[in-house]
Amino acid sequence: MGYWKWLFKKIFNFFGVIKYALKLKGYRVLAYGFIIYGAIGAIAIMFNQVILVF
């Protein structure tokens, strides 16, 4: 349950980043946000698979 709460919080933070970037009209900021969140997501998925293996 805690994992889902964390995931939803991350998703809401992500939308907050998008709104903030659009407010600034800083598409570079938006691109960096996607890269950073993509990396975090990939790491989280890898850890999830490691946990499932063990």
PDB file of N, CA and C in Angstrom:
ATOM      1  N   MET A   1       0.841  -1.197   0.000  1.00  0.00           N
ATOM      2  CA  MET A   1       0.000   0.000   0.000  1.00  0.00           C
ATOM      3  C   MET A   1       0.879   1.250   0.000  1.00  0.00           C
ATOM      4  N   GLY A   2       1.930   1.215   0.818  1.00  0.00           N
ATOM      5  CA  GLY A   2       2.821   2.368   0.898  1.00  0.00           C
ATOM      6  C   GLY A   2       3.483   2.676  -0.433  1.00  0.00           C
ATOM      7  N   TYR A   3       3.782   1.605  -1.197  1.00  0.00           N
ATOM      8  CA  TYR A   3       4.423   1.786  -2.501  1.00  0.00           C
ATOM      9  C   TYR A   3       3.501   2.547  -3.443  1.00  0.00           C
ATOM     10  N   TRP A   4       2.191   2.191  -3.445  1.00  0.00           N
ATOM     11  CA  TRP A   4       1.232   2.855  -4.335  1.00  0.00           C
ATOM     12  C   TRP A   4       1.070   4.311  -3.948  1.00  0.00           C
ATOM     13  N   LYS A   5       1.053   4.575  -2.639  1.00  0.00           N
ATOM     14  CA  LYS A   5       0.940   5.957  -2.168  1.00  0.00           C
ATOM     15  C   LYS A   5       2.145   6.762  -2.652  1.00  0.00           C
ATOM     16  N   TRP A   6       3.338   6.151  -2.560  1.00  0.00           N
ATOM     17  CA  TRP A   6       4.577   6.789  -3.024  1.00  0.00           C
ATOM     18  C   TRP A   6       4.498   7.042  -4.523  1.00  0.00           C
ATOM     19  N   LEU A   7       3.993   6.044  -5.271  1.00  0.00           N
ATOM     20  CA  LEU A   7       3.898   6.150  -6.726  1.00  0.00           C
ATOM     21  C   LEU A   7       2.947   7.276  -7.115  1.00  0.00           C
ATOM     22  N   PHE A   8       1.785   7.358  -6.462  1.00  0.00           N
ATOM     23  CA  PHE A   8       0.820   8.419  -6.773  1.00  0.00           C
ATOM     24  C   PHE A   8       1.410   9.783  -6.448  1.00  0.00           C
ATOM     25  N   LYS A   9       2.165   9.861  -5.336  1.00  0.00           N
ATOM     26  CA  LYS A   9       2.791  11.125  -4.964  1.00  0.00           C
ATOM     27  C   LYS A   9       3.787  11.550  -6.035  1.00  0.00           C
ATOM     28  N   LYS A  10       4.565  10.585  -6.547  1.00  0.00           N
ATOM     29  CA  LYS A  10       5.528  10.870  -7.612  1.00  0.00           C
ATOM     30  C   LYS A  10       4.805  11.350  -8.865  1.00  0.00           C
ATOM     31  N   ILE A  11       3.683  10.697  -9.212  1.00  0.00           N
ATOM     32  CA  ILE A  11       2.925  11.083 -10.405  1.00  0.00           C
ATOM     33  C   ILE A  11       2.387  12.502 -10.238  1.00  0.00           C
ATOM     34  N   PHE A  12       1.830  12.818  -9.062  1.00  0.00           N
ATOM     35  CA  PHE A  12       1.301  14.162  -8.835  1.00  0.00           C
ATOM     36  C   PHE A  12       2.424  15.191  -8.872  1.00  0.00           C
ATOM     37  N   ASN A  13       3.587  14.851  -8.308  1.00  0.00           N
ATOM     38  CA  ASN A  13       4.752  15.736  -8.372  1.00  0.00           C
ATOM     39  C   ASN A  13       5.143  15.978  -9.814  1.00  0.00           C
ATOM     40  N   PHE A  14       5.077  14.914 -10.642  1.00  0.00           N
ATOM     41  CA  PHE A  14       5.425  14.995 -12.057  1.00  0.00           C
ATOM     42  C   PHE A  14       4.512  15.989 -12.768  1.00  0.00           C
ATOM     43  N   PHE A  15       3.188  15.911 -12.501  1.00  0.00           N
ATOM     44  CA  PHE A  15       2.257  16.853 -13.122  1.00  0.00           C
ATOM     45  C   PHE A  15       2.519  18.266 -12.619  1.00  0.00           C
ATOM     46  N   GLY A  16       2.926  18.391 -11.352  1.00  0.00           N
ATOM     47  CA  GLY A  16       3.288  19.695 -10.810  1.00  0.00           C
ATOM     48  C   GLY A  16       4.483  20.274 -11.549  1.00  0.00           C
ATOM     49  N   VAL A  17       5.469  19.420 -11.853  1.00  0.00           N
ATOM     50  CA  VAL A  17       6.653  19.844 -12.608  1.00  0.00           C
ATOM     51  C   VAL A  17       6.239  20.321 -13.996  1.00  0.00           C
ATOM     52  N   ILE A  18       5.337  19.572 -14.649  1.00  0.00           N
ATOM     53  CA  ILE A  18       4.868  19.951 -15.987  1.00  0.00           C
ATOM     54  C   ILE A  18       4.166  21.304 -15.942  1.00  0.00           C
ATOM     55  N   LYS A  19       3.264  21.487 -14.962  1.00  0.00           N
ATOM     56  CA  LYS A  19       2.532  22.756 -14.854  1.00  0.00           C
ATOM     57  C   LYS A  19       3.496  23.911 -14.623  1.00  0.00           C
ATOM     58  N   TYR A  20       4.480  23.697 -13.744  1.00  0.00           N
ATOM     59  CA  TYR A  20       5.476  24.720 -13.437  1.00  0.00           C
ATOM     60  C   TYR A  20       6.286  25.068 -14.677  1.00  0.00           C
ATOM     61  N   ALA A  21       6.680  24.040 -15.438  1.00  0.00           N
ATOM     62  CA  ALA A  21       7.475  24.247 -16.650  1.00  0.00           C
ATOM     63  C   ALA A  21       6.662  25.001 -17.702  1.00  0.00           C
ATOM     64  N   LEU A  22       5.384  24.648 -17.843  1.00  0.00           N
ATOM     65  CA  LEU A  22       4.535  25.329 -18.824  1.00  0.00           C
ATOM     66  C   LEU A  22       4.314  26.784 -18.422  1.00  0.00           C
ATOM     67  N   LYS A  23       4.216  27.025 -17.111  1.00  0.00           N
ATOM     68  CA  LYS A  23       4.036  28.391 -16.619  1.00  0.00           C
ATOM     69  C   LYS A  23       5.258  29.232 -16.990  1.00  0.00           C
ATOM     70  N   LEU A  24       6.434  28.633 -16.888  1.00  0.00           N
ATOM     71  CA  LEU A  24       7.671  29.322 -17.264  1.00  0.00           C
ATOM     72  C   LEU A  24       7.865  29.346 -18.775  1.00  0.00           C
ATOM     73  N   LYS A  25       7.078  28.509 -19.487  1.00  0.00           N
ATOM     74  CA  LYS A  25       7.278  28.285 -20.916  1.00  0.00           C
ATOM     75  C   LYS A  25       8.705  27.788 -21.163  1.00  0.00           C
ATOM     76  N   GLY A  26       9.226  27.049 -20.173  1.00  0.00           N
ATOM     77  CA  GLY A  26      10.586  26.529 -20.276  1.00  0.00           C
ATOM     78  C   GLY A  26      10.543  25.078 -20.722  1.00  0.00           C
ATOM     79  N   TYR A  27      10.537  24.874 -22.030  1.00  0.00           N
ATOM     80  CA  TYR A  27      10.432  23.502 -22.539  1.00  0.00           C
ATOM     81  C   TYR A  27      11.687  22.700 -22.224  1.00  0.00           C
ATOM     82  N   ARG A  28      12.804  23.397 -22.031  1.00  0.00           N
ATOM     83  CA  ARG A  28      14.042  22.717 -21.632  1.00  0.00           C
ATOM     84  C   ARG A  28      13.859  22.119 -20.240  1.00  0.00           C
ATOM     85  N   VAL A  29      13.220  22.883 -19.362  1.00  0.00           N
ATOM     86  CA  VAL A  29      12.938  22.399 -18.004  1.00  0.00           C
ATOM     87  C   VAL A  29      12.052  21.161 -18.080  1.00  0.00           C
ATOM     88  N   LEU A  30      11.033  21.207 -18.966  1.00  0.00           N
ATOM     89  CA  LEU A  30      10.121  20.079 -19.136  1.00  0.00           C
ATOM     90  C   LEU A  30      10.880  18.846 -19.623  1.00  0.00           C
ATOM     91  N   ALA A  31      11.779  19.057 -20.577  1.00  0.00           N
ATOM     92  CA  ALA A  31      12.568  17.944 -21.116  1.00  0.00           C
ATOM     93  C   ALA A  31      13.439  17.329 -20.017  1.00  0.00           C
ATOM     94  N   TYR A  32      14.095  18.186 -19.211  1.00  0.00           N
ATOM     95  CA  TYR A  32      14.916  17.665 -18.116  1.00  0.00           C
ATOM     96  C   TYR A  32      14.043  16.899 -17.120  1.00  0.00           C
ATOM     97  N   GLY A  33      12.836  17.419 -16.875  1.00  0.00           N
ATOM     98  CA  GLY A  33      11.911  16.746 -15.965  1.00  0.00           C
ATOM     99  C   GLY A  33      11.581  15.343 -16.452  1.00  0.00           C
ATOM    100  N   PHE A  34      11.310  15.216 -17.773  1.00  0.00           N
ATOM    101  CA  PHE A  34      11.008  13.893 -18.332  1.00  0.00           C
ATOM    102  C   PHE A  34      12.204  12.960 -18.190  1.00  0.00           C
ATOM    103  N   ILE A  35      13.407  13.474 -18.457  1.00  0.00           N
ATOM    104  CA  ILE A  35      14.618  12.650 -18.368  1.00  0.00           C
ATOM    105  C   ILE A  35      14.819  12.169 -16.926  1.00  0.00           C
ATOM    106  N   ILE A  36      14.702  13.102 -15.971  1.00  0.00           N
ATOM    107  CA  ILE A  36      14.928  12.767 -14.563  1.00  0.00           C
ATOM    108  C   ILE A  36      13.878  11.763 -14.077  1.00  0.00           C
ATOM    109  N   TYR A  37      12.583  12.038 -14.403  1.00  0.00           N
ATOM    110  CA  TYR A  37      11.532  11.131 -13.951  1.00  0.00           C
ATOM    111  C   TYR A  37      11.626   9.781 -14.642  1.00  0.00           C
ATOM    112  N   GLY A  38      12.053   9.782 -15.911  1.00  0.00           N
ATOM    113  CA  GLY A  38      12.256   8.520 -16.625  1.00  0.00           C
ATOM    114  C   GLY A  38      13.327   7.682 -15.948  1.00  0.00           C
ATOM    115  N   ALA A  39      14.420   8.359 -15.542  1.00  0.00           N
ATOM    116  CA  ALA A  39      15.511   7.660 -14.863  1.00  0.00           C
ATOM    117  C   ALA A  39      15.029   7.100 -13.522  1.00  0.00           C
ATOM    118  N   ILE A  40      14.285   7.913 -12.758  1.00  0.00           N
ATOM    119  CA  ILE A  40      13.762   7.460 -11.465  1.00  0.00           C
ATOM    120  C   ILE A  40      12.837   6.260 -11.665  1.00  0.00           C
ATOM    121  N   GLY A  41      11.968   6.348 -12.688  1.00  0.00           N
ATOM    122  CA  GLY A  41      11.040   5.257 -12.983  1.00  0.00           C
ATOM    123  C   GLY A  41      11.773   3.979 -13.345  1.00  0.00           C
ATOM    124  N   ALA A  42      12.812   4.107 -14.179  1.00  0.00           N
ATOM    125  CA  ALA A  42      13.579   2.935 -14.609  1.00  0.00           C
ATOM    126  C   ALA A  42      14.270   2.278 -13.411  1.00  0.00           C
ATOM    127  N   ILE A  43      14.844   3.102 -12.531  1.00  0.00           N
ATOM    128  CA  ILE A  43      15.524   2.577 -11.342  1.00  0.00           C
ATOM    129  C   ILE A  43      14.511   1.871 -10.435  1.00  0.00           C
ATOM    130  N   ALA A  44      13.326   2.502 -10.255  1.00  0.00           N
ATOM    131  CA  ALA A  44      12.284   1.907  -9.408  1.00  0.00           C
ATOM    132  C   ALA A  44      11.850   0.553  -9.968  1.00  0.00           C
ATOM    133  N   ILE A  45      11.689   0.470 -11.294  1.00  0.00           N
ATOM    134  CA  ILE A  45      11.282  -0.786 -11.933  1.00  0.00           C
ATOM    135  C   ILE A  45      12.370  -1.844 -11.736  1.00  0.00           C
ATOM    136  N   MET A  46      13.636  -1.447 -11.894  1.00  0.00           N
ATOM    137  CA  MET A  46      14.744  -2.395 -11.707  1.00  0.00           C
ATOM    138  C   MET A  46      14.749  -2.933 -10.278  1.00  0.00           C
ATOM    139  N   PHE A  47      14.579  -2.026  -9.288  1.00  0.00           N
ATOM    140  CA  PHE A  47      14.552  -2.460  -7.892  1.00  0.00           C
ATOM    141  C   PHE A  47      13.373  -3.396  -7.653  1.00  0.00           C
ATOM    142  N   ASN A  48      12.237  -3.085  -8.277  1.00  0.00           N
ATOM    143  CA  ASN A  48      11.049  -3.935  -8.148  1.00  0.00           C
ATOM    144  C   ASN A  48      11.337  -5.342  -8.646  1.00  0.00           C
ATOM    145  N   GLN A  49      12.001  -5.445  -9.798  1.00  0.00           N
ATOM    146  CA  GLN A  49      12.308  -6.749 -10.371  1.00  0.00           C
ATOM    147  C   GLN A  49      13.318  -7.493  -9.502  1.00  0.00           C
ATOM    148  N   VAL A  50      14.262  -6.767  -8.939  1.00  0.00           N
ATOM    149  CA  VAL A  50      15.244  -7.383  -8.041  1.00  0.00           C
ATOM    150  C   VAL A  50      14.524  -7.958  -6.819  1.00  0.00           C
ATOM    151  N   ILE A  51      13.577  -7.179  -6.264  1.00  0.00           N
ATOM    152  CA  ILE A  51      12.816  -7.635  -5.095  1.00  0.00           C
ATOM    153  C   ILE A  51      11.998  -8.877  -5.455  1.00  0.00           C
ATOM    154  N   LEU A  52      11.389  -8.880  -6.656  1.00  0.00           N
ATOM    155  CA  LEU A  52      10.590 -10.032  -7.083  1.00  0.00           C
ATOM    156  C   LEU A  52      11.459 -11.272  -7.249  1.00  0.00           C
ATOM    157  N   VAL A  53      12.707 -11.082  -7.699  1.00  0.00           N
ATOM    158  CA  VAL A  53      13.620 -12.218  -7.878  1.00  0.00           C
ATOM    159  C   VAL A  53      13.947 -12.831  -6.514  1.00  0.00           C
ATOM    160  N   PHE A  54      14.206 -12.001  -5.510  1.00  0.00           N
ATOM    161  CA  PHE A  54      14.516 -12.477  -4.161  1.00  0.00           C
ATOM    162  C   PHE A  54      13.258 -12.563  -3.327  1.00  0.00           C
TER     163      PHE A  54
END
